[in-house]
Structures are given as structure tokens and as C-alpha cells.
Amino acid sequence: MTTTSSEPVLGLMATPVHTLIRREPVCLPPQASIREAAQAMCEQNVSSILIVEQGLLFGLVTDRDLRDRAVAAGMDTQRPILDIATLAPFSVGLHSPAFEALLLMARHNIHHVPVLDEQRIVGMITATDLTEQHSASAVYLVGEIHRQHSVKSLQQASARVPRLQQSLVEADASALSTGQIVTAITDAITIRLLHLAEAQLGPAPVDFVWIAAGSQGRQEQTARTDQDNCMVLDDAYDATRHGSYFKALARFVCDGLNDCGYVHCPGEMMACNDTWRIPVRDWIELFAHWTSEPDPTALMLTCVFFDMRAVHGNTALLDGLRANVLERTRGNTIFLAHMVSNALSRQPALGLFRRLAPLRSGEHKGTIDLKLNGIAPIVDLARVHALAQGHAAVNTHERLLVASEGGPVGEQSARDLREALEFLASLRIRHQARQIAQGLPPDNFLDPQEISNFERTQLKDAFSVVQTLQTLLGQQFEVGRF
């Protein structure tokens, strides 16, 4: 049965975009005037116009563009609409899941997304089309974040993230989707903090890109997380002339993230640490050292910084760095041997005869650390396979897909790992949602008694899959499959 947009959030995950299209697209040629666009939007009762030339999408004008770029700026309304348009706008495919449109809106703080059937324009969907879905609140929360003018007001906006995660759990959203949505909020807060910092300090003296690492880099965050980030600076950077600016910028953002609930990294793997705020040339030297002399410290750092994703700035700086790094890891048997050993060091919480093995001592005695002894081993496996193949994927699900396509992991094994990851991550998210509902700080420590016998059996199965694939990884490396 086809789900409809009036169903809960899950409908966005399964429903194709075309089911949300309400009408034919309203289009104008590039030569049309701003006044003509306003008249057409008024007559057709729409909030946007598509600019089309020879049947191809050229640009987009929204009611906000008319207000901010034309009326408020005192622009002559006889000028062409191209003067106020967004050119080459983001779009989604006709048969894409509606969730893809939602995520696009949340990530880029936009409210209108054209729908294409290959290159043919078939319609437009807006954030309003998603308002009946709980997860649409992510779009509006991102918009609200971008309107804040102080760290204090950002704190208030970020305080809504736990409730958003609860809503997604109540709607039975997948762990993959939940991680992407929650991470989109973190990205928005980070970008807004960067804007506030630049408003205070002035524009950056040289190009830079702000990088999310760790779970934010992989787009796998939950409501319980610390921050892992860094900065890649253009090689025109000079410490004497530019150092104080970027130090102040990074400190403002990292402290702002901490105030918003993304606590400072205990290991200080943050851009406010001088070590992780350096030009491209120095990053290349660091990765060269880590891959040629992979000692325990280097391996620990690679687990964080191989999961890098650009959040704001000149993304080409990261693209060049990533290409250099992947060239060094592909076929590097010595480095990969150490990575495999490191990946096998974190074992799932499963003992003899497939019995669950909770922690035996400490503050969390009797619980299972779903992150350290469940999710992290899968993340490590996926990372090794991506680096071995020199593939740029960062998200764990995407890395496992790559591993099954011509890599040493078979399609069925990769599918089993993805399903194990989805189950473990969902278990973790639901556990955190229960804690949030009880007014407790969310954590990763699950008491097996919290879940049903059926779920405990699934938990054992998931751990068994991880154990099997860890064994396979060791065997593959021993016979030179990498």
C-alpha cells in the first residue's frame, strides 16, 4: 500500500516525491520582469516561480526573494527576474523518497525544491507540503537557527534537538534518517556560529573550510554527543599575519557549540586547538606521517580525522586533501594492517555460547555500551574497507555499500552489517529517547532488561554478524586481499 503525506514521519522515508506534488509548476522565461513574477505568483497563489529556458530549469524565485532582494532593496521591478533569482537551485528526482527533499531543505535552509524527471520539470514541493509530518520541524528548526543573533538564543534552539529525536523515534524513523536529521541541526548551529563569529571579527583573511569529524562527519549523530572538528586553511595562510584571527574564530565556534550542548572533545580534537587548525600543506604532512608510521596515537587520530566532511567554507580545500589521503591509503598494506588490528580491538559484547556480556564493573555495571561495543566496531570495519579501496565515502552505510560493490565483502555480508548497524543504532536512539522522556541525560549504556526477549535475540544476532565479519576481515588481510 502506498503511504501518503498525511501519515506520520515514516511516510517521508517511503513515499516518492511525486506524491507530494500538488499542481503543475508555474514557470517564466529568464527575460520576464520582477513585476511579472510577482503578478504570476499572486494570480496562481504560489510562493515561488521556476525560471525555465528551452524546457530546462534555469533558476528559482521565491516570495522571500521578492521581499528581500527586490522590494527591500528598492530594485526597479521592470528588471529581469534573473537579478533576484537563485540560479541552478537544488532539486530532487521524481521518484526520490520525500525524505531526500526534507533533508535537502534542512541542510541548506531552503523551503522550495523543484522536482525533475531527469531534466524535465514536473513540479515543486515546499516545506509547507511537509508540515503534517513531525520531522518537518527539522526544516523549521534549521530556519530558526539561521535567524538567531546570539549564542544564548542558539542555546534555546538547540535545546529542542532531544525532543526532535523523540518525535522521530515515535514516528518509527530509521536510525539512518534520524542520524542525518540530527546532524543537519548540528551543521546549522555550526554554520550560524561561524556567521556570528565573522560578523564580530570581520571576513576571513584567507580561504578556509570548517570540517566536521567523527559522528558529525559521518552524519550519524544522536542527541548525546561531543564535538570533533578542525579547520583546513588555504596555503596562503601565514601564522604571523592570520593566526590570531583564526584562533579567535575557532574559539568562538567551539565554545558556542559547547554552550549549545555539544561538549568540548575530551581529547581536544577541535579547531580551537592549534594542532587542528592548519593549512593544506601541513594536513598533508600529518596524514603522510600517520599512514607511514601508524603508532597507537596515529591510529586513534585517523579514526576521527578520516571521517571528515566539509560544513562551511571553501570545500575545494578538503577535496584536494582527501584525494591526497586516499591515494596514500589505497593498497598501503602496512598501514592497513595496523588499521585492521585496531578495528579488531573493539569487540561486540557477546561471550561464550552467544550470551550477552554486559560490563562487569564500574558505574555502568550490568549494561552494554551500544556505542563502543556495538556501533563502533561496524564503523571501524566500514572505514577500513573504504580506505583500502581508496573510496571517498564517509557515512558508514555508504561505505558498506561500496564494500559490497567489487570489494572483498560480499553483497550479503555487507547487507547483514548494514542491518546490524541499523538495529544497534535504533536500539541506542530508542534507549536515549526513553531517558529524555524521564528527564535523564541520554547515554549509550543499555540495560538488557530494558528490552524484550525478542530484541535480546536480535541483539545477539547483530553482535554475531559483527564478530563474523571481524573474523573475515582478519582472514582477508592475512591472505593479501587488500
Protein backbone atom coordinates (compact mmCIF):
# COMPACT_ATOMS: atom_id res chain seq x y z
CA MET A 1 0.00 0.00 0.00
CA THR A 2 1.33 3.45 -0.86
CA THR A 3 1.81 5.76 2.11
CA THR A 4 0.55 9.31 1.89
CA SER A 5 1.80 12.59 3.20
CA SER A 6 -0.87 12.62 5.92
CA GLU A 7 0.72 9.63 7.65
CA PRO A 8 3.45 10.03 10.30
CA VAL A 9 7.09 10.76 9.60
CA LEU A 10 7.69 7.27 8.26
CA GLY A 11 5.73 8.33 5.16
CA LEU A 12 8.59 10.62 4.20
CA MET A 13 11.00 7.71 4.25
CA ALA A 14 8.94 5.54 1.91
CA THR A 15 6.83 7.92 -0.16
CA PRO A 16 8.16 9.08 -3.55
CA VAL A 17 8.40 12.82 -4.06
CA HIS A 18 5.83 12.87 -6.85
CA THR A 19 3.01 12.05 -4.39
CA LEU A 20 3.57 15.44 -2.73
CA ILE A 21 3.26 17.49 -5.93
CA ARG A 22 0.03 19.49 -5.73
CA ARG A 23 -0.06 21.20 -9.13
CA GLU A 24 1.71 21.93 -12.37
CA PRO A 25 4.85 24.06 -11.99
CA VAL A 26 4.50 27.80 -12.55
CA CYS A 27 7.27 28.89 -14.91
CA LEU A 28 8.54 32.06 -16.56
CA PRO A 29 11.36 32.72 -19.05
CA PRO A 30 14.57 34.43 -17.88
CA GLN A 31 13.56 37.64 -19.71
CA ALA A 32 10.42 38.12 -17.59
CA SER A 33 10.44 41.07 -15.22
CA ILE A 34 10.32 41.05 -11.44
CA ARG A 35 6.86 42.62 -11.66
CA GLU A 36 5.63 39.83 -13.96
CA ALA A 37 6.92 37.25 -11.49
CA ALA A 38 5.09 38.91 -8.61
CA GLN A 39 1.86 39.10 -10.64
CA ALA A 40 2.11 35.44 -11.68
CA MET A 41 2.73 34.32 -8.09
CA CYS A 42 -0.25 36.35 -6.93
CA GLU A 43 -2.56 35.08 -9.67
CA GLN A 44 -1.50 31.45 -9.26
CA ASN A 45 -1.38 31.66 -5.44
CA VAL A 46 2.10 30.16 -5.24
CA SER A 47 5.17 31.12 -3.23
CA SER A 48 7.73 30.50 -5.98
CA ILE A 49 8.35 30.70 -9.72
CA LEU A 50 10.63 28.46 -11.77
CA ILE A 51 12.75 30.14 -14.42
CA VAL A 52 12.78 27.90 -17.48
CA GLU A 53 14.50 28.24 -20.84
CA GLN A 54 14.06 25.69 -23.65
CA GLY A 55 12.43 23.30 -21.18
CA LEU A 56 15.41 23.34 -18.79
CA LEU A 57 15.45 24.60 -15.21
CA PHE A 58 17.49 27.80 -15.06
CA GLY A 59 16.67 29.29 -11.67
CA LEU A 60 14.15 29.85 -8.89
CA VAL A 61 12.50 32.94 -7.40
CA THR A 62 10.57 32.76 -4.12
CA ASP A 63 8.33 35.21 -2.30
CA ARG A 64 11.25 35.78 0.07
CA ASP A 65 13.43 36.79 -2.88
CA LEU A 66 10.81 39.32 -3.96
CA ARG A 67 10.68 40.75 -0.46
CA ASP A 68 14.39 40.75 0.43
CA ARG A 69 16.15 41.18 -2.92
CA ALA A 70 13.66 43.39 -4.75
CA VAL A 71 11.26 45.36 -2.54
CA ALA A 72 13.54 45.87 0.48
CA ALA A 73 16.46 46.72 -1.81
CA GLY A 74 14.39 49.27 -3.75
CA MET A 75 15.04 47.47 -7.05
CA ASP A 76 13.28 48.52 -10.24
CA THR A 77 10.56 45.90 -10.77
CA GLN A 78 10.99 46.12 -14.54
CA ARG A 79 14.41 44.49 -14.22
CA PRO A 80 14.64 40.80 -15.21
CA ILE A 81 13.90 38.17 -12.58
CA LEU A 82 17.40 36.78 -13.05
CA ASP A 83 18.61 39.74 -10.94
CA ILE A 84 16.96 38.28 -7.84
CA ALA A 85 16.91 34.56 -8.70
CA THR A 86 18.75 31.62 -7.21
CA LEU A 87 20.48 30.08 -10.21
CA ALA A 88 20.98 26.32 -10.57
CA PRO A 89 18.83 25.57 -7.48
CA PHE A 90 18.95 22.28 -5.61
CA SER A 91 16.44 19.75 -6.95
CA VAL A 92 15.21 16.19 -6.38
CA GLY A 93 14.21 13.41 -8.73
CA LEU A 94 10.61 12.48 -9.41
CA HIS A 95 10.95 9.05 -7.78
CA SER A 96 13.27 10.07 -4.92
CA PRO A 97 11.96 9.49 -1.39
CA ALA A 98 10.31 12.55 0.12
CA PHE A 99 12.83 12.33 2.94
CA GLU A 100 15.54 13.35 0.47
CA ALA A 101 13.72 16.64 -0.11
CA LEU A 102 13.30 17.14 3.63
CA LEU A 103 16.99 16.60 4.27
CA LEU A 104 17.91 18.97 1.43
CA MET A 105 15.75 21.67 3.00
CA ALA A 106 17.17 21.11 6.47
CA ARG A 107 20.80 21.06 5.34
CA HIS A 108 20.63 24.20 3.21
CA ASN A 109 17.93 26.23 5.00
CA ILE A 110 15.67 26.32 1.96
CA HIS A 111 11.89 25.89 1.69
CA HIS A 112 11.34 25.20 -2.03
CA VAL A 113 12.71 22.26 -4.01
CA PRO A 114 11.99 21.72 -7.74
CA VAL A 115 11.17 18.16 -8.83
CA LEU A 116 12.71 16.82 -12.04
CA ASP A 117 12.08 13.76 -14.17
CA GLU A 118 15.63 13.55 -15.47
CA GLN A 119 15.83 17.09 -16.95
CA ARG A 120 12.10 17.65 -17.39
CA ILE A 121 10.48 19.91 -14.78
CA VAL A 122 7.42 18.29 -13.23
CA GLY A 123 6.66 20.31 -10.13
CA MET A 124 7.69 21.93 -6.88
CA ILE A 125 7.44 20.83 -3.28
CA THR A 126 7.75 23.15 -0.31
CA ALA A 127 8.30 22.87 3.41
CA THR A 128 4.58 23.59 3.74
CA ASP A 129 3.86 20.32 1.93
CA LEU A 130 5.62 18.57 4.80
CA THR A 131 4.06 20.42 7.74
CA GLU A 132 1.85 17.50 8.67
CA GLN A 133 4.97 15.40 9.21
CA HIS A 134 6.67 15.63 12.60
CA SER A 135 10.11 15.56 11.02
CA ALA A 136 9.30 18.69 9.01
CA SER A 137 10.03 20.51 12.28
CA ALA A 138 13.69 19.94 11.39
CA VAL A 139 13.29 22.27 8.41
CA TYR A 140 11.76 24.99 10.54
CA LEU A 141 14.25 24.48 13.34
CA VAL A 142 17.11 24.98 10.87
CA GLY A 143 15.41 28.12 9.59
CA GLU A 144 15.01 29.36 13.15
CA ILE A 145 18.68 28.65 13.88
CA HIS A 146 19.77 30.78 10.92
CA ARG A 147 17.72 33.71 12.28
CA GLN A 148 19.42 33.78 15.70
CA HIS A 149 21.78 36.62 16.57
CA SER A 150 23.43 35.38 19.76
CA VAL A 151 24.85 32.24 21.30
CA LYS A 152 22.20 32.43 24.02
CA SER A 153 19.36 32.26 21.50
CA LEU A 154 21.12 29.40 19.72
CA GLN A 155 21.19 27.54 23.04
CA GLN A 156 17.42 27.79 23.21
CA ALA A 157 17.05 26.46 19.68
CA SER A 158 19.48 23.58 20.25
CA ALA A 159 17.55 22.57 23.39
CA ARG A 160 14.81 21.31 21.04
CA VAL A 161 17.04 18.63 19.50
CA PRO A 162 16.30 15.94 22.13
CA ARG A 163 12.56 16.41 21.60
CA LEU A 164 13.08 16.22 17.84
CA GLN A 165 14.85 12.89 18.32
CA GLN A 166 11.94 11.69 20.46
CA SER A 167 9.48 12.64 17.71
CA LEU A 168 11.47 10.69 15.17
CA VAL A 169 11.50 7.64 17.45
CA GLU A 170 7.74 7.93 18.00
CA ALA A 171 7.30 8.05 14.23
CA ASP A 172 9.47 4.93 13.78
CA ALA A 173 12.00 6.77 11.63
CA SER A 174 15.09 4.74 10.76
CA ALA A 175 18.33 5.26 12.66
CA LEU A 176 19.99 6.27 9.38
CA SER A 177 17.41 9.00 8.77
CA THR A 178 17.45 10.14 12.39
CA GLY A 179 21.23 10.50 12.33
CA GLN A 180 21.09 12.56 9.15
CA ILE A 181 18.39 14.88 10.52
CA VAL A 182 20.05 15.39 13.91
CA THR A 183 23.39 16.05 12.18
CA ALA A 184 21.73 18.61 9.88
CA ILE A 185 20.77 20.56 13.01
CA THR A 186 24.35 20.43 14.31
CA ASP A 187 25.61 21.63 10.93
CA ALA A 188 23.14 24.54 11.01
CA ILE A 189 24.24 25.59 14.50
CA THR A 190 27.89 25.37 13.45
CA ILE A 191 27.31 27.48 10.34
CA ARG A 192 25.36 30.10 12.29
CA LEU A 193 28.14 30.31 14.89
CA LEU A 194 30.64 30.84 12.08
CA HIS A 195 28.48 33.64 10.68
CA LEU A 196 28.24 35.26 14.12
CA ALA A 197 32.00 34.96 14.57
CA GLU A 198 32.68 36.53 11.18
CA ALA A 199 30.24 39.35 11.96
CA GLN A 200 32.25 40.06 15.09
CA LEU A 201 35.77 39.51 13.72
CA GLY A 202 35.35 40.53 10.10
CA PRO A 203 35.81 38.40 6.97
CA ALA A 204 38.46 35.69 6.96
CA PRO A 205 41.83 36.92 5.62
CA VAL A 206 42.34 33.69 3.61
CA ASP A 207 40.08 30.87 2.49
CA PHE A 208 39.24 28.11 4.94
CA VAL A 209 36.85 25.22 5.34
CA TRP A 210 35.31 24.16 8.65
CA ILE A 211 35.39 20.38 8.94
CA ALA A 212 33.14 18.08 10.95
CA ALA A 213 34.85 14.86 12.01
CA GLY A 214 33.73 11.77 13.92
CA SER A 215 29.99 11.07 14.09
CA GLN A 216 29.07 14.52 12.78
CA GLY A 217 31.35 13.96 9.80
CA ARG A 218 29.65 10.62 9.14
CA GLN A 219 26.18 12.17 9.65
CA GLU A 220 25.44 9.67 12.41
CA GLN A 221 24.85 11.91 15.42
CA THR A 222 22.32 11.47 18.20
CA ALA A 223 21.21 13.80 20.97
CA ARG A 224 24.18 12.62 23.06
CA THR A 225 27.45 13.74 21.51
CA ASP A 226 30.59 15.78 21.95
CA GLN A 227 32.26 17.78 19.19
CA ASP A 228 35.05 16.70 16.84
CA ASN A 229 36.08 19.33 14.32
CA CYS A 230 39.02 21.00 12.65
CA MET A 231 39.91 23.65 10.09
CA VAL A 232 41.73 23.35 6.79
CA LEU A 233 43.26 26.67 5.79
CA ASP A 234 44.43 27.82 2.38
CA ASP A 235 48.18 27.53 1.84
CA ALA A 236 48.25 31.33 1.66
CA TYR A 237 47.84 31.23 5.45
CA ASP A 238 50.63 32.92 7.40
CA ALA A 239 50.65 32.30 11.15
CA THR A 240 52.09 35.71 11.98
CA ARG A 241 49.51 37.68 9.99
CA HIS A 242 46.48 35.41 10.20
CA GLY A 243 46.94 33.23 13.28
CA SER A 244 45.15 35.42 15.83
CA TYR A 245 42.07 35.79 13.61
CA PHE A 246 41.54 32.06 13.09
CA LYS A 247 42.32 31.28 16.72
CA ALA A 248 39.58 33.70 17.82
CA LEU A 249 37.17 32.35 15.19
CA ALA A 250 37.70 28.74 16.23
CA ARG A 251 37.44 29.53 19.94
CA PHE A 252 34.15 31.38 19.39
CA VAL A 253 32.63 28.46 17.47
CA CYS A 254 33.89 25.65 19.70
CA ASP A 255 32.80 27.44 22.88
CA GLY A 256 29.46 28.23 21.25
CA LEU A 257 28.94 24.57 20.36
CA ASN A 258 29.77 23.65 23.94
CA ASP A 259 27.19 26.14 25.20
CA CYS A 260 24.65 24.56 22.84
CA GLY A 261 25.21 21.09 24.32
CA TYR A 262 27.93 19.77 22.00
CA VAL A 263 30.51 19.45 24.73
CA HIS A 264 34.21 20.06 24.20
CA CYS A 265 36.02 16.95 22.99
CA PRO A 266 37.83 15.35 25.97
CA GLY A 267 40.79 14.68 23.68
CA GLU A 268 40.76 18.30 22.43
CA MET A 269 40.27 17.22 18.81
CA MET A 270 38.75 20.58 17.97
CA ALA A 271 39.55 23.52 15.72
CA CYS A 272 40.30 25.70 18.77
CA ASN A 273 43.37 23.50 19.32
CA ASP A 274 46.23 24.97 17.26
CA THR A 275 47.19 21.45 16.13
CA TRP A 276 43.92 21.00 14.23
CA ARG A 277 43.78 24.44 12.58
CA ILE A 278 46.43 24.34 9.87
CA PRO A 279 46.90 24.85 6.10
CA VAL A 280 46.50 22.12 3.49
CA ARG A 281 50.25 21.51 3.21
CA ASP A 282 50.52 20.75 6.94
CA TRP A 283 47.50 18.44 6.86
CA ILE A 284 49.12 16.51 4.02
CA GLU A 285 52.26 16.10 6.12
CA LEU A 286 50.22 14.90 9.10
CA PHE A 287 48.38 12.25 7.09
CA ALA A 288 51.64 11.19 5.45
CA HIS A 289 53.12 10.63 8.90
CA TRP A 290 50.07 8.78 10.20
CA THR A 291 49.95 6.43 7.21
CA SER A 292 53.70 5.74 7.15
CA GLU A 293 54.17 5.38 10.93
CA PRO A 294 50.82 4.16 12.27
CA ASP A 295 51.53 4.05 16.00
CA PRO A 296 48.63 3.84 18.52
CA THR A 297 48.25 7.63 18.69
CA ALA A 298 48.19 7.93 14.90
CA LEU A 299 45.55 5.19 14.66
CA MET A 300 43.38 6.89 17.26
CA LEU A 301 43.59 10.17 15.34
CA THR A 302 42.89 8.54 11.98
CA CYS A 303 39.67 7.07 13.38
CA VAL A 304 38.48 10.64 13.90
CA PHE A 305 40.05 12.56 11.04
CA PHE A 306 39.46 10.02 8.26
CA ASP A 307 35.77 10.78 8.79
CA MET A 308 36.00 14.39 7.59
CA ARG A 309 33.16 16.31 5.94
CA ALA A 310 33.05 19.97 4.90
CA VAL A 311 30.42 22.02 6.75
CA HIS A 312 31.22 25.59 5.70
CA GLY A 313 33.77 27.42 3.59
CA ASN A 314 35.83 26.55 0.54
CA THR A 315 35.10 22.84 0.12
CA ALA A 316 37.76 22.51 -2.59
CA LEU A 317 40.38 22.67 0.18
CA LEU A 318 39.05 19.41 1.64
CA ASP A 319 38.56 17.79 -1.78
CA GLY A 320 42.24 18.17 -2.61
CA LEU A 321 43.32 16.94 0.80
CA ARG A 322 41.00 13.91 0.65
CA ALA A 323 42.27 12.89 -2.78
CA ASN A 324 45.85 13.01 -1.49
CA VAL A 325 45.00 10.95 1.59
CA LEU A 326 43.08 8.25 -0.29
CA GLU A 327 45.95 7.87 -2.70
CA ARG A 328 48.16 7.11 0.31
CA THR A 329 45.80 4.55 1.88
CA ARG A 330 44.84 2.56 -1.23
CA GLY A 331 46.97 -0.60 -1.24
CA ASN A 332 49.11 0.57 1.70
CA THR A 333 49.41 -2.87 3.31
CA ILE A 334 51.48 -1.79 6.33
CA PHE A 335 49.08 0.97 7.28
CA LEU A 336 46.03 -1.20 6.57
CA ALA A 337 47.45 -3.99 8.74
CA HIS A 338 47.51 -1.61 11.68
CA MET A 339 44.03 -0.35 10.85
CA VAL A 340 42.73 -3.92 10.76
CA SER A 341 44.34 -4.68 14.12
CA ASN A 342 42.78 -1.54 15.55
CA ALA A 343 39.37 -2.43 14.10
CA LEU A 344 39.50 -5.89 15.68
CA SER A 345 40.39 -4.50 19.11
CA ARG A 346 36.82 -3.39 19.80
CA GLN A 347 34.67 -6.47 20.14
CA PRO A 348 30.88 -6.74 20.42
CA ALA A 349 29.50 -7.58 23.87
CA LEU A 350 28.98 -11.26 23.20
CA GLY A 351 30.52 -14.07 25.25
CA LEU A 352 30.60 -17.85 25.05
CA PHE A 353 27.56 -19.68 23.72
CA ARG A 354 26.21 -16.41 22.28
CA ARG A 355 25.47 -14.94 25.68
CA LEU A 356 25.32 -11.19 26.10
CA ALA A 357 28.33 -9.89 28.01
CA PRO A 358 27.41 -6.73 29.95
CA LEU A 359 30.03 -4.62 31.73
CA ARG A 360 31.26 -6.37 34.88
CA SER A 361 32.27 -3.35 36.95
CA GLY A 362 32.20 0.40 37.18
CA GLU A 363 29.44 2.98 37.14
CA HIS A 364 27.58 1.21 34.33
CA LYS A 365 27.93 -2.36 35.60
CA GLY A 366 25.36 -4.70 34.08
CA THR A 367 24.82 -2.60 30.97
CA ILE A 368 26.01 -2.85 27.38
CA ASP A 369 27.80 0.09 25.79
CA LEU A 370 25.94 0.17 22.48
CA LYS A 371 28.35 2.69 21.01
CA LEU A 372 31.71 1.20 22.00
CA ASN A 373 30.79 -2.49 21.81
CA GLY A 374 28.20 -2.39 19.08
CA ILE A 375 28.24 0.52 16.66
CA ALA A 376 31.95 1.44 16.78
CA PRO A 377 33.17 -2.00 15.55
CA ILE A 378 30.94 -1.68 12.47
CA VAL A 379 32.13 1.88 11.85
CA ASP A 380 35.72 0.63 12.08
CA LEU A 381 35.09 -2.23 9.64
CA ALA A 382 33.47 0.09 7.12
CA ARG A 383 36.29 2.63 7.41
CA VAL A 384 38.98 0.03 6.74
CA HIS A 385 37.23 -1.19 3.60
CA ALA A 386 36.71 2.38 2.31
CA LEU A 387 40.36 3.29 2.86
CA ALA A 388 41.58 0.03 1.34
CA GLN A 389 39.61 0.79 -1.82
CA GLY A 390 40.54 4.47 -1.81
CA HIS A 391 36.88 5.48 -1.75
CA ALA A 392 35.78 8.91 -0.52
CA ALA A 393 32.55 7.77 1.21
CA VAL A 394 32.32 8.89 4.84
CA ASN A 395 28.89 7.72 6.02
CA THR A 396 29.07 4.14 7.34
CA HIS A 397 26.09 2.87 5.33
CA GLU A 398 27.60 4.31 2.16
CA ARG A 399 30.97 2.75 2.96
CA LEU A 400 29.35 -0.65 3.40
CA LEU A 401 27.57 -0.27 0.06
CA VAL A 402 30.94 0.47 -1.55
CA ALA A 403 32.49 -2.55 0.17
CA SER A 404 29.90 -4.82 -1.43
CA GLU A 405 30.48 -3.47 -4.94
CA GLY A 406 33.57 -5.21 -6.21
CA GLY A 407 35.27 -5.16 -2.81
CA PRO A 408 36.31 -8.04 -0.57
CA VAL A 409 32.99 -8.03 1.34
CA GLY A 410 30.20 -9.92 -0.39
CA GLU A 411 26.87 -8.27 -1.05
CA GLN A 412 25.06 -10.44 1.52
CA SER A 413 27.68 -9.81 4.23
CA ALA A 414 27.57 -6.07 3.62
CA ARG A 415 23.78 -6.15 3.80
CA ASP A 416 23.95 -8.05 7.09
CA LEU A 417 26.32 -5.44 8.51
CA ARG A 418 24.06 -2.57 7.39
CA GLU A 419 21.07 -4.22 9.02
CA ALA A 420 23.07 -4.89 12.19
CA LEU A 421 24.12 -1.25 12.26
CA GLU A 422 20.55 -0.06 11.75
CA PHE A 423 19.29 -2.30 14.57
CA LEU A 424 22.02 -1.31 17.05
CA ALA A 425 21.72 2.39 16.24
CA SER A 426 17.92 2.24 16.54
CA LEU A 427 18.23 0.47 19.90
CA ARG A 428 20.57 3.23 21.06
CA ILE A 429 18.28 6.03 19.83
CA ARG A 430 15.19 4.49 21.47
CA HIS A 431 17.14 4.00 24.72
CA GLN A 432 18.10 7.68 24.66
CA ALA A 433 14.51 8.71 23.89
CA ARG A 434 13.31 6.86 26.99
CA GLN A 435 15.92 8.65 29.09
CA ILE A 436 14.96 12.04 27.65
CA ALA A 437 11.29 11.34 28.45
CA GLN A 438 12.31 10.61 32.06
CA GLY A 439 14.31 13.82 32.31
CA LEU A 440 17.62 11.95 32.37
CA PRO A 441 20.73 12.83 30.33
CA PRO A 442 20.93 10.43 27.36
CA ASP A 443 23.80 7.93 27.24
CA ASN A 444 24.86 4.78 25.39
CA PHE A 445 24.51 2.24 28.21
CA LEU A 446 21.63 -0.18 27.73
CA ASP A 447 20.41 -2.50 30.48
CA PRO A 448 19.39 -5.69 28.61
CA GLN A 449 16.35 -5.87 30.89
CA GLU A 450 15.01 -2.72 29.22
CA ILE A 451 14.25 -4.64 26.05
CA SER A 452 12.11 -7.66 25.19
CA ASN A 453 13.31 -11.24 24.80
CA PHE A 454 12.82 -10.89 21.06
CA GLU A 455 15.02 -7.78 20.95
CA ARG A 456 17.68 -9.50 23.06
CA THR A 457 17.76 -12.29 20.50
CA GLN A 458 18.13 -9.71 17.72
CA LEU A 459 20.91 -8.04 19.71
CA LYS A 460 22.79 -11.33 19.90
CA ASP A 461 22.29 -11.86 16.17
CA ALA A 462 23.62 -8.38 15.41
CA PHE A 463 26.70 -8.97 17.58
CA SER A 464 27.25 -12.34 15.87
CA VAL A 465 27.21 -10.67 12.46
CA VAL A 466 29.85 -8.20 13.63
CA GLN A 467 32.03 -10.97 15.08
CA THR A 468 31.81 -12.97 11.86
CA LEU A 469 32.75 -10.00 9.68
CA GLN A 470 35.61 -9.07 12.01
CA THR A 471 36.98 -12.60 11.62
CA LEU A 472 36.55 -12.37 7.85
CA LEU A 473 38.39 -9.03 7.79
CA GLY A 474 41.37 -10.56 9.60
CA GLN A 475 41.44 -13.52 7.23
CA GLN A 476 41.18 -11.34 4.15
CA PHE A 477 44.11 -9.22 5.21
CA GLU A 478 46.25 -12.26 6.04
CA VAL A 479 45.83 -13.63 2.53
CA GLY A 480 46.55 -10.27 0.91
CA ARG A 481 43.01 -9.47 -0.23
CA PHE A 482 43.74 -5.78 0.43
